N, C-alpha and C. Protein backbone atom coordinates (compact mmCIF):
# COMPACT_ATOMS: atom_id res chain seq x y z
N MET A 1 18.02 -19.25 12.14
CA MET A 1 16.59 -18.84 11.49
C MET A 1 15.48 -19.80 12.27
N THR A 2 14.33 -19.18 12.28
CA THR A 2 13.34 -20.11 12.58
C THR A 2 12.78 -21.05 12.10
N THR A 3 11.83 -21.88 12.45
CA THR A 3 11.22 -22.86 11.64
C THR A 3 10.35 -22.28 10.55
N ASP A 4 9.58 -21.36 11.17
CA ASP A 4 8.68 -20.53 10.12
C ASP A 4 9.64 -19.77 8.76
N GLU A 5 10.82 -19.04 9.39
CA GLU A 5 11.36 -18.62 8.13
C GLU A 5 12.21 -20.03 7.06
N HIS A 6 12.43 -21.07 7.70
CA HIS A 6 13.06 -21.81 6.97
C HIS A 6 12.05 -22.45 5.98
N LEU A 7 10.57 -22.72 6.51
CA LEU A 7 9.39 -23.13 5.87
C LEU A 7 8.84 -22.07 4.18
N ALA A 8 9.68 -20.63 5.05
CA ALA A 8 9.22 -19.63 3.91
C ALA A 8 10.45 -19.27 2.72
N VAL A 9 11.14 -20.24 2.69
CA VAL A 9 12.61 -20.16 1.55
C VAL A 9 11.88 -20.45 0.32
N PRO A 10 11.85 -20.00 -0.89
CA PRO A 10 10.95 -20.09 -1.91
C PRO A 10 12.01 -21.45 -2.60
N TYR A 11 12.13 -22.43 -2.50
CA TYR A 11 12.85 -23.62 -3.28
C TYR A 11 12.00 -23.78 -4.33
N VAL A 12 13.13 -23.92 -5.37
CA VAL A 12 13.10 -24.33 -7.00
C VAL A 12 12.00 -25.46 -6.77
N VAL A 13 11.07 -25.48 -7.86
CA VAL A 13 10.03 -26.67 -8.14
C VAL A 13 10.61 -27.36 -9.29
N VAL A 14 10.77 -28.71 -9.71
CA VAL A 14 10.72 -28.99 -11.05
C VAL A 14 9.63 -29.98 -11.19
N MET A 15 8.67 -29.88 -12.05
CA MET A 15 7.57 -30.47 -12.29
C MET A 15 7.63 -31.17 -13.98
N GLU A 16 7.48 -32.63 -14.06
CA GLU A 16 7.79 -33.43 -15.09
C GLU A 16 6.53 -34.57 -15.23
N SER A 17 6.49 -34.65 -16.14
CA SER A 17 5.29 -35.86 -17.00
C SER A 17 5.95 -37.20 -16.88
N PHE A 18 5.65 -38.24 -16.42
CA PHE A 18 6.03 -39.48 -16.87
C PHE A 18 4.89 -40.57 -17.16
N GLU A 19 5.10 -41.55 -17.67
CA GLU A 19 4.47 -42.72 -18.13
C GLU A 19 4.81 -43.69 -17.14
N ASP A 20 3.77 -43.97 -16.45
CA ASP A 20 3.78 -45.08 -15.22
C ASP A 20 3.69 -46.57 -15.89
N SER A 21 4.10 -47.73 -15.20
CA SER A 21 4.13 -49.10 -16.02
C SER A 21 3.08 -49.49 -16.31
N ASP A 22 1.63 -48.79 -15.96
CA ASP A 22 0.60 -49.08 -16.42
C ASP A 22 -0.01 -48.47 -17.26
N GLY A 23 1.16 -47.48 -18.03
CA GLY A 23 0.99 -46.84 -19.36
C GLY A 23 0.24 -45.50 -18.91
N GLU A 24 -0.55 -45.26 -17.85
CA GLU A 24 -0.76 -43.84 -17.54
C GLU A 24 0.06 -42.75 -17.10
N TRP A 25 -0.45 -41.74 -17.52
CA TRP A 25 0.67 -40.33 -17.45
C TRP A 25 0.45 -40.20 -16.13
N ARG A 26 1.63 -39.38 -15.09
CA ARG A 26 1.36 -39.12 -13.70
C ARG A 26 2.54 -37.93 -14.05
N ARG A 27 2.46 -37.10 -12.85
CA ARG A 27 3.43 -35.95 -12.61
C ARG A 27 4.28 -36.12 -11.30
N ARG A 28 5.20 -35.72 -11.49
CA ARG A 28 6.57 -35.76 -10.31
C ARG A 28 6.76 -34.49 -10.29
N ALA A 29 6.79 -33.86 -8.96
CA ALA A 29 7.18 -32.58 -8.56
C ALA A 29 8.15 -33.19 -7.74
N ILE A 30 9.60 -32.01 -7.66
CA ILE A 30 10.94 -32.45 -7.10
C ILE A 30 10.97 -30.94 -6.80
N HIS A 31 12.12 -30.90 -5.52
CA HIS A 31 12.45 -29.28 -5.10
C HIS A 31 14.18 -30.15 -5.21
N PRO A 32 14.59 -29.81 -6.13
CA PRO A 32 16.17 -30.28 -6.08
C PRO A 32 17.07 -29.96 -5.45
N GLU A 33 17.11 -28.93 -4.62
CA GLU A 33 17.67 -28.14 -3.48
C GLU A 33 17.36 -28.94 -2.31
N LEU A 34 16.52 -29.91 -2.04
CA LEU A 34 16.45 -30.77 -1.05
C LEU A 34 16.18 -32.24 -1.44
N PRO A 35 17.34 -32.42 -1.00
CA PRO A 35 17.72 -34.30 -1.40
C PRO A 35 16.70 -34.77 -1.21
N GLY A 36 16.24 -35.80 -1.77
CA GLY A 36 14.93 -36.71 -1.81
C GLY A 36 13.38 -36.04 -1.53
N VAL A 37 13.45 -35.13 -1.66
CA VAL A 37 12.40 -34.24 -1.67
C VAL A 37 11.26 -34.57 -2.86
N SER A 38 10.71 -35.03 -3.16
CA SER A 38 9.75 -35.53 -4.45
C SER A 38 8.38 -35.78 -3.87
N ALA A 39 7.45 -35.89 -4.93
CA ALA A 39 6.32 -36.70 -4.80
C ALA A 39 5.42 -36.89 -6.36
N GLU A 40 4.69 -37.59 -6.32
CA GLU A 40 4.26 -38.37 -7.52
C GLU A 40 2.70 -38.24 -7.46
N ALA A 41 1.87 -37.63 -8.32
CA ALA A 41 0.31 -37.78 -8.49
C ALA A 41 -0.19 -37.96 -9.89
N ASP A 42 -1.48 -38.15 -9.76
CA ASP A 42 -2.04 -37.81 -11.25
C ASP A 42 -1.97 -36.47 -11.87
N SER A 43 -2.34 -35.42 -10.86
CA SER A 43 -2.39 -34.06 -11.47
C SER A 43 -1.23 -33.30 -11.07
N PRO A 44 -1.06 -32.22 -11.54
CA PRO A 44 0.23 -31.25 -11.17
C PRO A 44 0.24 -30.82 -9.96
N ILE A 45 -1.50 -30.60 -9.68
CA ILE A 45 -1.91 -29.56 -8.57
C ILE A 45 -1.52 -30.64 -6.98
N ASP A 46 -2.01 -31.99 -7.45
CA ASP A 46 -1.88 -33.13 -6.32
C ASP A 46 -0.30 -33.26 -5.97
N ALA A 47 0.53 -33.41 -7.19
CA ALA A 47 1.69 -33.33 -6.93
C ALA A 47 2.62 -32.18 -6.22
N LEU A 48 2.08 -31.21 -6.72
CA LEU A 48 2.19 -29.59 -5.50
C LEU A 48 1.95 -30.15 -4.13
N ASP A 49 0.80 -30.47 -4.02
CA ASP A 49 0.19 -30.26 -2.55
C ASP A 49 0.96 -31.45 -1.87
N LYS A 50 1.20 -32.40 -2.36
CA LYS A 50 2.32 -33.61 -1.84
C LYS A 50 3.65 -33.24 -1.33
N LEU A 51 4.23 -32.53 -2.59
CA LEU A 51 5.60 -31.90 -2.28
C LEU A 51 5.81 -31.10 -1.33
N ASP A 52 4.52 -30.37 -1.05
CA ASP A 52 4.72 -29.30 -0.11
C ASP A 52 4.24 -29.97 1.34
N GLU A 53 4.00 -31.06 1.43
CA GLU A 53 4.02 -31.93 2.74
C GLU A 53 5.08 -32.55 2.85
N VAL A 54 5.80 -33.06 1.95
CA VAL A 54 6.97 -33.75 2.23
C VAL A 54 7.98 -32.61 2.32
N ARG A 55 8.18 -31.50 1.92
CA ARG A 55 9.27 -30.57 2.25
C ARG A 55 9.34 -30.30 3.59
N VAL A 56 7.92 -29.96 4.12
CA VAL A 56 7.56 -29.43 5.55
C VAL A 56 8.15 -30.74 6.31
N LYS A 57 7.63 -31.89 6.42
CA LYS A 57 8.23 -32.83 7.23
C LYS A 57 9.80 -32.58 7.06
N TYR A 58 10.28 -33.01 5.95
CA TYR A 58 11.85 -32.82 5.58
C TYR A 58 12.65 -31.57 6.15
N ILE A 59 12.00 -30.27 6.45
CA ILE A 59 12.47 -29.21 7.16
C ILE A 59 12.30 -29.48 8.20
N VAL A 60 11.34 -29.68 8.98
CA VAL A 60 10.83 -30.00 10.51
C VAL A 60 11.60 -31.02 11.27
N ASP A 61 12.02 -32.25 10.27
CA ASP A 61 12.71 -33.31 10.98
C ASP A 61 13.92 -32.90 11.12
N ARG A 62 14.42 -32.33 10.14
CA ARG A 62 16.16 -31.92 10.20
C ARG A 62 16.34 -30.82 11.24
N LEU A 63 15.54 -29.71 11.23
CA LEU A 63 15.86 -28.85 12.35
C LEU A 63 15.28 -29.53 13.75
N GLN A 64 14.42 -30.39 14.13
CA GLN A 64 14.52 -31.37 15.25
C GLN A 64 15.75 -31.98 15.37
N ARG A 65 16.32 -32.73 14.47
CA ARG A 65 17.67 -33.38 14.75
C ARG A 65 18.77 -32.32 14.81
N GLY A 66 18.63 -31.25 14.95
CA GLY A 66 19.71 -30.27 14.96
C GLY A 66 20.72 -30.31 13.68
N GLU A 67 20.06 -30.82 12.52
CA GLU A 67 20.66 -30.85 11.40
C GLU A 67 20.58 -29.78 10.41
N PRO A 68 21.17 -29.23 9.65
CA PRO A 68 21.17 -28.20 8.94
C PRO A 68 20.30 -28.09 7.53
N VAL A 69 19.55 -27.34 7.59
CA VAL A 69 18.78 -27.26 6.10
C VAL A 69 19.10 -26.48 5.06
N PRO A 70 19.21 -27.14 3.84
CA PRO A 70 19.58 -26.24 3.10
C PRO A 70 18.99 -24.97 2.75
N VAL A 71 19.57 -23.74 2.51
CA VAL A 71 19.18 -22.67 2.25
C VAL A 71 19.77 -21.95 1.30
N PRO A 72 19.37 -22.05 0.10
CA PRO A 72 19.78 -21.46 -1.45
C PRO A 72 19.61 -19.83 -1.47
N ARG A 73 18.45 -19.47 -0.90
CA ARG A 73 17.97 -18.06 -1.11
C ARG A 73 17.25 -17.88 0.40
N PRO A 74 17.35 -16.54 0.79
CA PRO A 74 16.64 -15.77 1.83
C PRO A 74 14.93 -16.39 1.77
N PRO A 75 14.49 -16.28 2.88
CA PRO A 75 13.05 -16.49 2.96
C PRO A 75 12.43 -15.43 2.12
N LEU A 76 11.04 -16.05 2.05
CA LEU A 76 10.07 -14.47 1.43
C LEU A 76 9.90 -13.50 2.63
N GLY A 77 10.01 -12.39 2.52
CA GLY A 77 9.76 -11.12 3.39
C GLY A 77 8.19 -11.41 3.32
N GLY A 78 7.45 -11.40 4.62
CA GLY A 78 6.03 -11.29 5.08
C GLY A 78 5.09 -12.23 4.29
N TYR A 79 6.17 -13.67 4.02
CA TYR A 79 4.93 -14.54 3.41
C TYR A 79 4.09 -15.00 4.31
N PHE A 80 4.33 -15.34 5.64
CA PHE A 80 2.71 -15.78 6.52
C PHE A 80 1.95 -14.42 6.79
N SER A 81 2.51 -13.43 6.89
CA SER A 81 1.71 -12.10 7.33
C SER A 81 0.58 -11.67 6.35
N LYS A 82 1.09 -11.69 4.93
CA LYS A 82 -0.24 -11.08 3.97
C LYS A 82 0.00 -12.12 2.80
N LEU A 83 -1.15 -12.02 1.81
CA LEU A 83 -0.75 -12.70 0.97
C LEU A 83 -1.14 -11.33 -0.29
N ASP A 84 -0.92 -11.60 -1.44
CA ASP A 84 -0.96 -10.66 -2.76
C ASP A 84 -2.23 -10.75 -3.19
N LEU A 85 -3.06 -10.21 -2.81
CA LEU A 85 -4.56 -10.35 -2.98
C LEU A 85 -4.79 -10.10 -4.89
N ASP A 86 -3.88 -9.30 -5.40
CA ASP A 86 -4.04 -9.21 -6.79
C ASP A 86 -3.58 -10.40 -7.76
N ARG A 87 -2.27 -10.74 -7.18
CA ARG A 87 -2.32 -11.96 -7.76
C ARG A 87 -3.17 -13.07 -7.66
N MET A 88 -3.47 -13.50 -6.44
CA MET A 88 -4.47 -14.57 -5.90
C MET A 88 -5.88 -14.30 -6.81
N SER A 89 -6.22 -13.13 -7.08
CA SER A 89 -7.37 -12.78 -7.87
C SER A 89 -7.08 -13.16 -9.49
N PHE A 90 -6.01 -13.03 -9.99
CA PHE A 90 -5.49 -13.08 -11.28
C PHE A 90 -5.76 -14.52 -11.33
N ALA A 91 -4.96 -15.29 -10.23
CA ALA A 91 -5.40 -16.77 -10.50
C ALA A 91 -6.42 -17.34 -10.64
N LYS A 92 -7.45 -16.83 -9.53
CA LYS A 92 -8.59 -17.36 -9.34
C LYS A 92 -9.18 -16.75 -11.10
N TRP A 93 -8.88 -15.78 -11.48
CA TRP A 93 -9.39 -15.53 -12.83
C TRP A 93 -9.21 -16.62 -13.65
N MET A 94 -7.92 -16.86 -13.85
CA MET A 94 -7.43 -17.72 -14.67
C MET A 94 -8.30 -19.25 -14.48
N VAL A 95 -8.30 -19.90 -13.58
CA VAL A 95 -8.94 -21.16 -13.23
C VAL A 95 -10.31 -20.84 -13.94
N GLN A 96 -11.06 -19.63 -13.44
CA GLN A 96 -12.43 -19.62 -13.88
C GLN A 96 -12.71 -19.25 -15.32
N GLN A 97 -11.75 -19.19 -16.23
CA GLN A 97 -11.64 -18.84 -17.42
C GLN A 97 -11.66 -20.31 -18.24
N GLU A 98 -10.72 -21.33 -17.49
CA GLU A 98 -10.46 -22.59 -17.97
C GLU A 98 -8.91 -22.42 -18.64
N ARG A 99 -8.02 -21.26 -18.13
CA ARG A 99 -6.88 -21.41 -18.87
C ARG A 99 -5.91 -22.20 -18.07
N ILE A 100 -6.11 -22.76 -16.70
CA ILE A 100 -5.41 -23.16 -16.34
C ILE A 100 -6.31 -24.38 -15.46
N HIS A 101 -5.83 -25.44 -15.16
CA HIS A 101 -6.22 -26.54 -14.76
C HIS A 101 -5.57 -27.28 -13.71
N ASP A 102 -6.46 -28.46 -12.95
CA ASP A 102 -5.26 -29.52 -12.13
C ASP A 102 -5.19 -30.57 -12.75
N ASN A 103 -5.02 -30.94 -14.18
CA ASN A 103 -5.09 -31.78 -14.69
C ASN A 103 -4.38 -31.99 -16.41
């Protein structure tokens, strides 16, 4: 598999809220299929953004060292070549209607 194909694998994401030592609520995002790949932030969106950065670094580092990368399911077909604009439009509408937000 190429690096792009590894990066297009749809890994499971687990999101949880937790109270930190200061009593503030934070979000933790985890890829349980990739050992040690997790991120924490104040908002779910920020946690997902950080998680993606950690995932990419994990995959690229392992490939550069010649180590195997867990591949629990096949890469998303055409992931880098096209976006589903209908789905993106729906997501944009959800944000505009304030049905979803980043906190």
